[in-house]
Amino acid sequence: MLNRRHAFALLGAAPFAASCGSSGPDPAAAWRDPGAGVADPRRFALAHAILAPSPHNTQPWLVEFDDASGMTLYCDLERRLPFTDPIDRQITLGLGGFLELYRIAASHLGQFAEITMFPEGAPSPRLDARPIAHVSFSPVANAAADPLFAYITARRTNRTVYDLERIPDDTLLLRATAQVAGFLGAAQWTVEPARVAALRDLVWRAFEREMQTEGAQRETYRWLRFGHEAVAEHRDGLAIEGPMIGPLKALGFFGEDDLINPNSMANETAARDWRAKAESATGFMWLATPDDRPETRLQAGMAYARLNLAATAFGIAMHPWSQALQEYEEMADLYAEAKRVLEAQDQVVQMLVRVGYAEPAAPSARRGAEAVLRA
């Protein structure tokens, strides 16, 4: 007989899994041949830009096509993470990633994308209804396409356990960071065992702290999608899938109060699973900037998108572990520790990711391009 312990074991077996399933709409359809048959270069670029990574897979972008060659990007203010991301840093990074994929896809069509950040002024401390950026295209004769275009549909956020026997080569990581040359800050990495061990410990303790913080857990719960039908309906968020997940959710399992309780069977199981992932990191990379202006955050997001694509090109798995960089009260001591461990000094650490080698991950759910267009 199935009981709550069995149900929570099913949940812990595949936390935050990639979407799967054979019935209903395909939530990963956007990854297959994006922009095929599209004549408008803005729509072609948009079909690729929506594949950008974003925190909790919130996909916080809204788009307007404003003339024959222009696009204006806004933040969907309902898709922010106000508890764990109170100044909208992570959301801004995601918007930067969207802009970079948009720009790369434009280059594939011989179009130069001129990006004007915050054309009506930069908001502070949080994003507001003003535009994030305006992008206009102009054709460039004999322009070389960005070589990273080829990896947009192959890029993944790989949340699986990594292979401890394979350590990324410093030369490859150096070549990956070369893809963000001209970035305002610095892309750094380590595969040195002692330093990797210290970062494994830090990211795990920050993850555990978040699991013990009710406000953070309730915010995450909002973005959990239980079962294929829910994933296909929303096409965003963090998918928790398996043959019984959807039916069990319909029967009343996996309720919010259970899943925000750090001592519940679900969270104890999930904690063991996620700790194994943290301890499987064989290297870390991070992005740091000399200031923290909204424009700088956008540029950091653009740089991260390039870094992720370059890692994909070299067969390196990448997974952001951002909990220690979150700026809410309960995380303050670990945020300060992260700056010390990463030797950031006066710089602002914008991204921290584990890297290594892993089995390929399936694509996460994506809303279609039409879903993000604003009339």
Protein backbone atom coordinates (compact mmCIF):
# COMPACT_ATOMS: atom_id res chain seq x y z
CA MET A 1 0.00 0.00 0.00
CA LEU A 2 1.35 3.40 -0.96
CA ASN A 3 1.89 5.77 1.97
CA ARG A 4 3.38 9.25 2.39
CA ARG A 5 6.86 7.82 3.01
CA HIS A 6 6.74 5.97 -0.33
CA ALA A 7 5.38 9.04 -2.10
CA PHE A 8 8.12 11.29 -0.75
CA ALA A 9 10.73 8.72 -1.72
CA LEU A 10 9.44 9.01 -5.29
CA LEU A 11 9.79 12.78 -5.06
CA GLY A 12 13.33 12.61 -3.76
CA ALA A 13 14.36 10.15 -6.45
CA ALA A 14 14.22 12.82 -9.15
CA PRO A 15 14.17 16.35 -7.68
CA PHE A 16 14.06 19.17 -10.22
CA ALA A 17 14.16 16.65 -13.06
CA ALA A 18 14.12 17.59 -16.71
CA SER A 19 10.70 17.42 -18.27
CA CYS A 20 9.63 14.18 -19.90
CA GLY A 21 6.53 12.28 -20.84
CA SER A 22 4.79 11.17 -24.00
CA SER A 23 1.25 12.54 -23.65
CA GLY A 24 0.00 16.09 -24.00
CA PRO A 25 1.88 19.12 -25.32
CA ASP A 26 5.64 18.84 -25.54
CA PRO A 27 7.18 21.36 -23.10
CA ALA A 28 10.59 20.99 -24.77
CA ALA A 29 9.37 21.67 -28.33
CA ALA A 30 11.04 25.10 -28.41
CA TRP A 31 14.46 23.46 -28.38
CA ARG A 32 13.95 21.66 -31.69
CA ASP A 33 14.90 23.67 -34.78
CA PRO A 34 13.99 27.08 -33.32
CA GLY A 35 13.07 29.72 -35.88
CA ALA A 36 12.60 27.21 -38.70
CA GLY A 37 10.80 28.82 -41.63
CA VAL A 38 10.69 32.24 -39.95
CA ALA A 39 11.40 35.15 -42.29
CA ASP A 40 11.53 37.97 -39.74
CA PRO A 41 15.05 38.01 -38.21
CA ARG A 42 13.65 39.37 -34.95
CA ARG A 43 11.39 36.33 -34.57
CA PHE A 44 14.27 34.03 -35.50
CA ALA A 45 16.42 35.64 -32.80
CA LEU A 46 13.56 35.47 -30.29
CA ALA A 47 13.07 31.74 -30.90
CA HIS A 48 16.68 31.24 -29.76
CA ALA A 49 16.73 33.84 -26.96
CA ILE A 50 13.92 32.11 -25.05
CA LEU A 51 16.30 29.17 -24.56
CA ALA A 52 18.46 31.27 -22.22
CA PRO A 53 18.93 30.10 -18.62
CA SER A 54 17.08 31.90 -15.85
CA PRO A 55 16.78 31.43 -12.06
CA HIS A 56 14.24 28.70 -11.22
CA ASN A 57 13.53 28.64 -14.98
CA THR A 58 11.24 31.64 -14.44
CA GLN A 59 11.79 32.94 -18.01
CA PRO A 60 11.20 36.56 -16.92
CA TRP A 61 11.12 38.12 -20.39
CA LEU A 62 8.49 40.17 -22.18
CA VAL A 63 9.10 41.41 -25.72
CA GLU A 64 7.65 44.04 -28.03
CA PHE A 65 8.49 44.39 -31.72
CA ASP A 66 8.33 48.13 -32.23
CA ASP A 67 9.29 48.66 -35.87
CA ALA A 68 10.70 46.78 -38.83
CA SER A 69 13.99 46.03 -37.06
CA GLY A 70 13.50 46.85 -33.38
CA MET A 71 12.78 44.84 -30.27
CA THR A 72 12.20 46.12 -26.74
CA LEU A 73 12.79 43.79 -23.80
CA TYR A 74 10.91 44.15 -20.51
CA CYS A 75 10.95 42.16 -17.29
CA ASP A 76 7.79 40.25 -16.48
CA LEU A 77 7.53 41.56 -12.93
CA GLU A 78 5.36 38.63 -11.86
CA ARG A 79 8.25 36.25 -12.59
CA ARG A 80 10.72 37.63 -10.09
CA LEU A 81 11.93 35.94 -6.88
CA PRO A 82 11.41 38.63 -4.25
CA PHE A 83 12.48 36.61 -1.20
CA THR A 84 15.73 35.03 -2.39
CA ASP A 85 16.51 37.72 -4.97
CA PRO A 86 15.33 40.89 -3.23
CA ILE A 87 17.26 43.28 -5.50
CA ASP A 88 16.50 41.35 -8.71
CA ARG A 89 20.14 40.53 -9.39
CA GLN A 90 19.52 36.97 -10.55
CA ILE A 91 16.54 37.99 -12.67
CA THR A 92 18.67 40.70 -14.33
CA LEU A 93 21.35 38.12 -15.07
CA GLY A 94 18.71 35.97 -16.76
CA LEU A 95 17.58 38.93 -18.86
CA GLY A 96 21.21 39.49 -19.86
CA GLY A 97 21.45 35.88 -21.00
CA PHE A 98 18.34 36.39 -23.12
CA LEU A 99 19.94 39.45 -24.79
CA GLU A 100 23.14 37.57 -25.56
CA LEU A 101 21.36 34.66 -27.22
CA TYR A 102 19.25 37.15 -29.15
CA ARG A 103 22.42 38.89 -30.34
CA ILE A 104 24.16 35.61 -31.25
CA ALA A 105 21.16 34.39 -33.26
CA ALA A 106 21.03 37.72 -35.12
CA SER A 107 24.66 37.31 -36.13
CA HIS A 108 23.78 33.96 -37.70
CA LEU A 109 21.59 35.88 -40.17
CA GLY A 110 24.22 38.52 -40.86
CA GLN A 111 22.51 41.08 -38.64
CA PHE A 112 24.31 43.37 -36.23
CA ALA A 113 22.35 43.79 -33.00
CA GLU A 114 22.79 47.19 -31.39
CA ILE A 115 21.79 46.89 -27.74
CA THR A 116 20.82 49.95 -25.73
CA MET A 117 20.52 49.05 -22.05
CA PHE A 118 17.82 50.69 -19.94
CA PRO A 119 16.85 53.27 -22.58
CA GLU A 120 14.48 55.03 -20.15
CA GLY A 121 16.87 54.87 -17.20
CA ALA A 122 18.19 52.13 -14.94
CA PRO A 123 15.92 51.21 -12.02
CA SER A 124 17.24 50.79 -8.48
CA PRO A 125 17.16 48.84 -6.25
CA ARG A 126 14.60 46.65 -8.10
CA LEU A 127 13.44 46.37 -11.67
CA ASP A 128 10.26 48.14 -12.68
CA ALA A 129 8.02 48.57 -15.71
CA ARG A 130 10.61 50.50 -17.71
CA PRO A 131 12.34 48.64 -20.57
CA ILE A 132 15.39 46.55 -19.87
CA ALA A 133 16.89 47.09 -23.31
CA HIS A 134 16.15 48.09 -26.86
CA VAL A 135 17.73 46.10 -29.69
CA SER A 136 17.81 47.16 -33.32
CA PHE A 137 19.14 45.17 -36.27
CA SER A 138 21.16 46.32 -39.22
CA PRO A 139 22.62 44.03 -41.92
CA VAL A 140 26.37 43.60 -42.08
CA ALA A 141 27.89 42.54 -45.40
CA ASN A 142 30.11 39.43 -45.19
CA ALA A 143 29.73 39.32 -41.40
CA ALA A 144 30.99 36.22 -39.62
CA ALA A 145 28.39 34.46 -37.52
CA ASP A 146 29.18 33.93 -33.85
CA PRO A 147 30.53 30.35 -33.58
CA LEU A 148 28.65 29.86 -30.30
CA PHE A 149 25.35 29.86 -32.22
CA ALA A 150 25.84 26.17 -32.93
CA TYR A 151 25.56 25.33 -29.22
CA ILE A 152 22.40 27.23 -28.27
CA THR A 153 20.10 24.22 -28.61
CA ALA A 154 22.64 21.89 -26.96
CA ARG A 155 23.20 24.08 -23.88
CA ARG A 156 21.86 22.73 -20.61
CA THR A 157 21.87 23.46 -16.91
CA ASN A 158 23.07 20.04 -15.79
CA ARG A 159 21.85 19.29 -12.25
CA THR A 160 22.96 15.64 -12.17
CA VAL A 161 25.80 14.03 -10.20
CA TYR A 162 29.12 14.68 -11.94
CA ASP A 163 31.91 12.18 -12.67
CA LEU A 164 34.54 12.51 -9.91
CA GLU A 165 37.11 10.71 -12.05
CA ARG A 166 37.16 13.39 -14.75
CA ILE A 167 38.47 16.86 -13.92
CA PRO A 168 38.15 19.70 -16.44
CA ASP A 169 41.45 20.71 -17.94
CA ASP A 170 42.74 24.19 -17.11
CA THR A 171 43.40 24.80 -20.80
CA LEU A 172 39.76 24.16 -21.70
CA LEU A 173 38.53 26.41 -18.90
CA LEU A 174 40.91 29.12 -20.06
CA ARG A 175 39.54 28.80 -23.59
CA ALA A 176 36.00 29.01 -22.22
CA THR A 177 36.77 32.23 -20.35
CA ALA A 178 38.28 33.64 -23.54
CA GLN A 179 34.73 33.72 -24.93
CA VAL A 180 33.88 36.51 -22.49
CA ALA A 181 36.84 38.70 -23.47
CA GLY A 182 35.78 42.32 -23.21
CA PHE A 183 33.42 41.52 -20.35
CA LEU A 184 33.49 44.24 -17.71
CA GLY A 185 34.63 41.93 -14.92
CA ALA A 186 36.64 38.74 -14.54
CA ALA A 187 35.84 35.10 -15.25
CA GLN A 188 37.79 32.83 -12.92
CA TRP A 189 37.94 29.13 -12.12
CA THR A 190 39.55 26.54 -9.90
CA VAL A 191 40.10 22.80 -10.14
CA GLU A 192 42.63 22.85 -7.28
CA PRO A 193 41.46 20.09 -4.88
CA ALA A 194 41.66 22.01 -1.61
CA ARG A 195 39.86 25.04 -2.99
CA VAL A 196 37.23 22.89 -4.71
CA ALA A 197 36.63 21.11 -1.40
CA ALA A 198 36.14 24.45 0.37
CA LEU A 199 33.63 25.57 -2.28
CA ARG A 200 31.76 22.26 -2.16
CA ASP A 201 31.33 22.77 1.57
CA LEU A 202 30.23 26.39 1.13
CA VAL A 203 27.65 25.74 -1.58
CA TRP A 204 26.21 22.81 0.35
CA ARG A 205 25.84 24.81 3.56
CA ALA A 206 24.16 27.61 1.61
CA PHE A 207 21.81 25.13 -0.04
CA GLU A 208 20.99 23.63 3.35
CA ARG A 209 20.40 27.10 4.80
CA GLU A 210 17.91 27.82 2.04
CA MET A 211 16.10 24.55 2.74
CA GLN A 212 15.74 25.66 6.37
CA THR A 213 14.40 29.12 5.49
CA GLU A 214 10.63 29.10 5.19
CA GLY A 215 10.34 32.15 2.94
CA ALA A 216 12.85 30.72 0.47
CA GLN A 217 11.15 27.32 0.44
CA ARG A 218 7.71 28.80 -0.14
CA GLU A 219 9.11 30.80 -3.04
CA THR A 220 10.65 27.69 -4.59
CA TYR A 221 7.42 25.74 -4.13
CA ARG A 222 5.64 28.27 -6.35
CA TRP A 223 7.92 27.19 -9.22
CA LEU A 224 7.72 23.41 -8.76
CA ARG A 225 5.82 21.59 -11.52
CA PHE A 226 4.61 18.15 -10.43
CA GLY A 227 4.14 15.67 -13.25
CA HIS A 228 4.13 15.95 -17.02
CA GLU A 229 0.72 17.59 -17.29
CA ALA A 230 1.73 20.45 -14.99
CA VAL A 231 5.05 20.86 -16.80
CA ALA A 232 3.30 20.95 -20.16
CA GLU A 233 0.69 23.40 -18.87
CA HIS A 234 3.16 25.93 -17.46
CA ARG A 235 6.29 25.22 -19.55
CA ASP A 236 8.47 26.91 -16.96
CA GLY A 237 9.74 26.30 -13.45
CA LEU A 238 11.41 23.23 -11.95
CA ALA A 239 10.01 19.94 -13.19
CA ILE A 240 9.52 17.04 -10.79
CA GLU A 241 8.53 14.09 -12.92
CA GLY A 242 8.05 10.38 -12.76
CA PRO A 243 5.30 7.91 -13.65
CA MET A 244 3.43 8.48 -10.36
CA ILE A 245 4.19 12.13 -9.54
CA GLY A 246 1.16 13.69 -11.27
CA PRO A 247 -1.41 11.23 -9.90
CA LEU A 248 0.06 11.47 -6.40
CA LYS A 249 -0.12 15.26 -6.49
CA ALA A 250 -3.79 14.98 -7.51
CA LEU A 251 -4.38 12.72 -4.49
CA GLY A 252 -3.04 15.37 -2.13
CA PHE A 253 0.58 14.35 -1.76
CA PHE A 254 3.46 16.85 -2.08
CA GLY A 255 1.61 19.67 -0.35
CA GLU A 256 3.34 22.97 0.34
CA ASP A 257 3.51 22.54 4.12
CA ASP A 258 5.22 19.16 3.77
CA LEU A 259 7.73 20.42 1.24
CA ILE A 260 8.77 23.51 3.20
CA ASN A 261 9.39 21.47 6.36
CA PRO A 262 13.16 20.77 6.41
CA ASN A 263 12.56 17.68 8.53
CA SER A 264 9.98 16.11 6.23
CA MET A 265 10.71 12.83 4.48
CA ALA A 266 10.68 14.67 1.13
CA ASN A 267 13.32 17.18 2.17
CA GLU A 268 15.50 14.67 3.99
CA THR A 269 15.55 12.56 0.83
CA ALA A 270 16.14 15.58 -1.39
CA ALA A 271 18.93 16.82 0.87
CA ARG A 272 20.84 13.56 0.50
CA ASP A 273 20.43 13.75 -3.26
CA TRP A 274 21.56 17.36 -3.53
CA ARG A 275 24.50 16.88 -1.19
CA ALA A 276 25.78 14.12 -3.47
CA LYS A 277 25.56 16.60 -6.35
CA ALA A 278 27.47 19.27 -4.46
CA GLU A 279 30.17 16.80 -3.50
CA SER A 280 30.54 15.65 -7.11
CA ALA A 281 31.80 19.05 -8.28
CA THR A 282 35.28 18.73 -9.75
CA GLY A 283 35.69 22.45 -10.41
CA PHE A 284 34.04 25.83 -9.98
CA MET A 285 33.83 28.94 -12.11
CA TRP A 286 32.64 32.42 -11.14
CA LEU A 287 32.09 35.88 -12.57
CA ALA A 288 33.00 38.99 -10.59
CA THR A 289 32.54 42.65 -11.47
CA PRO A 290 34.06 45.90 -10.15
CA ASP A 291 30.62 47.45 -9.56
CA ASP A 292 27.01 46.42 -9.26
CA ARG A 293 25.11 48.78 -11.54
CA PRO A 294 22.05 47.34 -13.32
CA GLU A 295 23.96 47.62 -16.62
CA THR A 296 26.81 45.60 -15.11
CA ARG A 297 24.41 42.86 -14.04
CA LEU A 298 23.03 42.66 -17.57
CA GLN A 299 26.56 42.38 -18.94
CA ALA A 300 27.34 39.65 -16.40
CA GLY A 301 24.30 37.72 -17.58
CA MET A 302 25.45 38.08 -21.18
CA ALA A 303 28.90 36.85 -20.17
CA TYR A 304 27.46 33.86 -18.33
CA ALA A 305 25.43 32.85 -21.38
CA ARG A 306 28.62 32.86 -23.45
CA LEU A 307 30.50 30.93 -20.78
CA ASN A 308 27.77 28.28 -20.66
CA LEU A 309 27.77 27.94 -24.44
CA ALA A 310 31.56 27.67 -24.53
CA ALA A 311 31.49 24.97 -21.84
CA THR A 312 28.91 23.13 -23.93
CA ALA A 313 31.24 23.29 -26.92
CA PHE A 314 33.97 21.60 -24.84
CA GLY A 315 31.65 18.96 -23.39
CA ILE A 316 31.79 20.45 -19.88
CA ALA A 317 28.68 20.31 -17.69
CA MET A 318 27.71 23.48 -15.79
CA HIS A 319 25.26 24.16 -12.97
CA PRO A 320 24.81 27.46 -11.07
CA TRP A 321 24.92 27.21 -7.26
CA SER A 322 23.77 30.68 -6.35
CA GLN A 323 22.42 30.25 -2.83
CA ALA A 324 25.54 31.69 -1.16
CA LEU A 325 25.26 34.79 -3.39
CA GLN A 326 21.67 35.56 -2.46
CA GLU A 327 21.15 38.75 -0.51
CA TYR A 328 18.44 38.01 2.03
CA GLU A 329 18.94 38.26 5.77
CA GLU A 330 19.22 34.55 6.57
CA MET A 331 22.07 34.14 4.05
CA ALA A 332 24.14 37.18 5.10
CA ASP A 333 26.95 35.32 6.89
CA LEU A 334 27.43 32.82 4.05
CA TYR A 335 27.34 35.64 1.50
CA ALA A 336 30.23 37.28 3.35
CA GLU A 337 32.04 33.95 3.53
CA ALA A 338 31.63 33.43 -0.22
CA LYS A 339 33.37 36.74 -0.90
CA ARG A 340 36.28 35.66 1.34
CA VAL A 341 36.60 32.18 -0.15
CA LEU A 342 36.47 33.54 -3.70
CA GLU A 343 38.89 36.35 -2.78
CA ALA A 344 36.50 38.86 -4.30
CA GLN A 345 37.70 41.74 -2.09
CA ASP A 346 35.98 44.86 -3.46
CA GLN A 347 34.41 43.02 -6.39
CA VAL A 348 30.83 41.75 -6.64
CA VAL A 349 30.48 38.04 -7.38
CA GLN A 350 27.64 37.75 -9.87
CA MET A 351 27.68 34.01 -10.64
CA LEU A 352 29.11 30.86 -9.06
CA VAL A 353 28.78 27.54 -10.88
CA ARG A 354 30.05 24.01 -10.48
CA VAL A 355 31.65 22.40 -13.53
CA GLY A 356 32.63 18.90 -14.46
CA TYR A 357 31.61 15.99 -16.66
CA ALA A 358 28.23 14.28 -16.54
CA GLU A 359 25.73 12.33 -18.54
CA PRO A 360 23.75 14.60 -20.91
CA ALA A 361 20.73 16.31 -19.39
CA ALA A 362 17.38 16.65 -21.14
CA PRO A 363 16.19 20.17 -22.01
CA SER A 364 14.06 22.04 -19.51
CA ALA A 365 10.56 23.26 -20.35
CA ARG A 366 10.17 26.47 -22.35
CA ARG A 367 7.22 28.66 -23.20
CA GLY A 368 7.01 29.38 -26.92
CA ALA A 369 8.02 32.67 -28.48
CA GLU A 370 4.39 33.75 -28.82
CA ALA A 371 3.94 33.46 -25.05
CA VAL A 372 6.48 36.21 -24.36
CA LEU A 373 5.33 38.69 -27.04
CA ARG A 374 3.40 41.64 -25.66
CA ALA A 375 0.72 43.10 -27.90
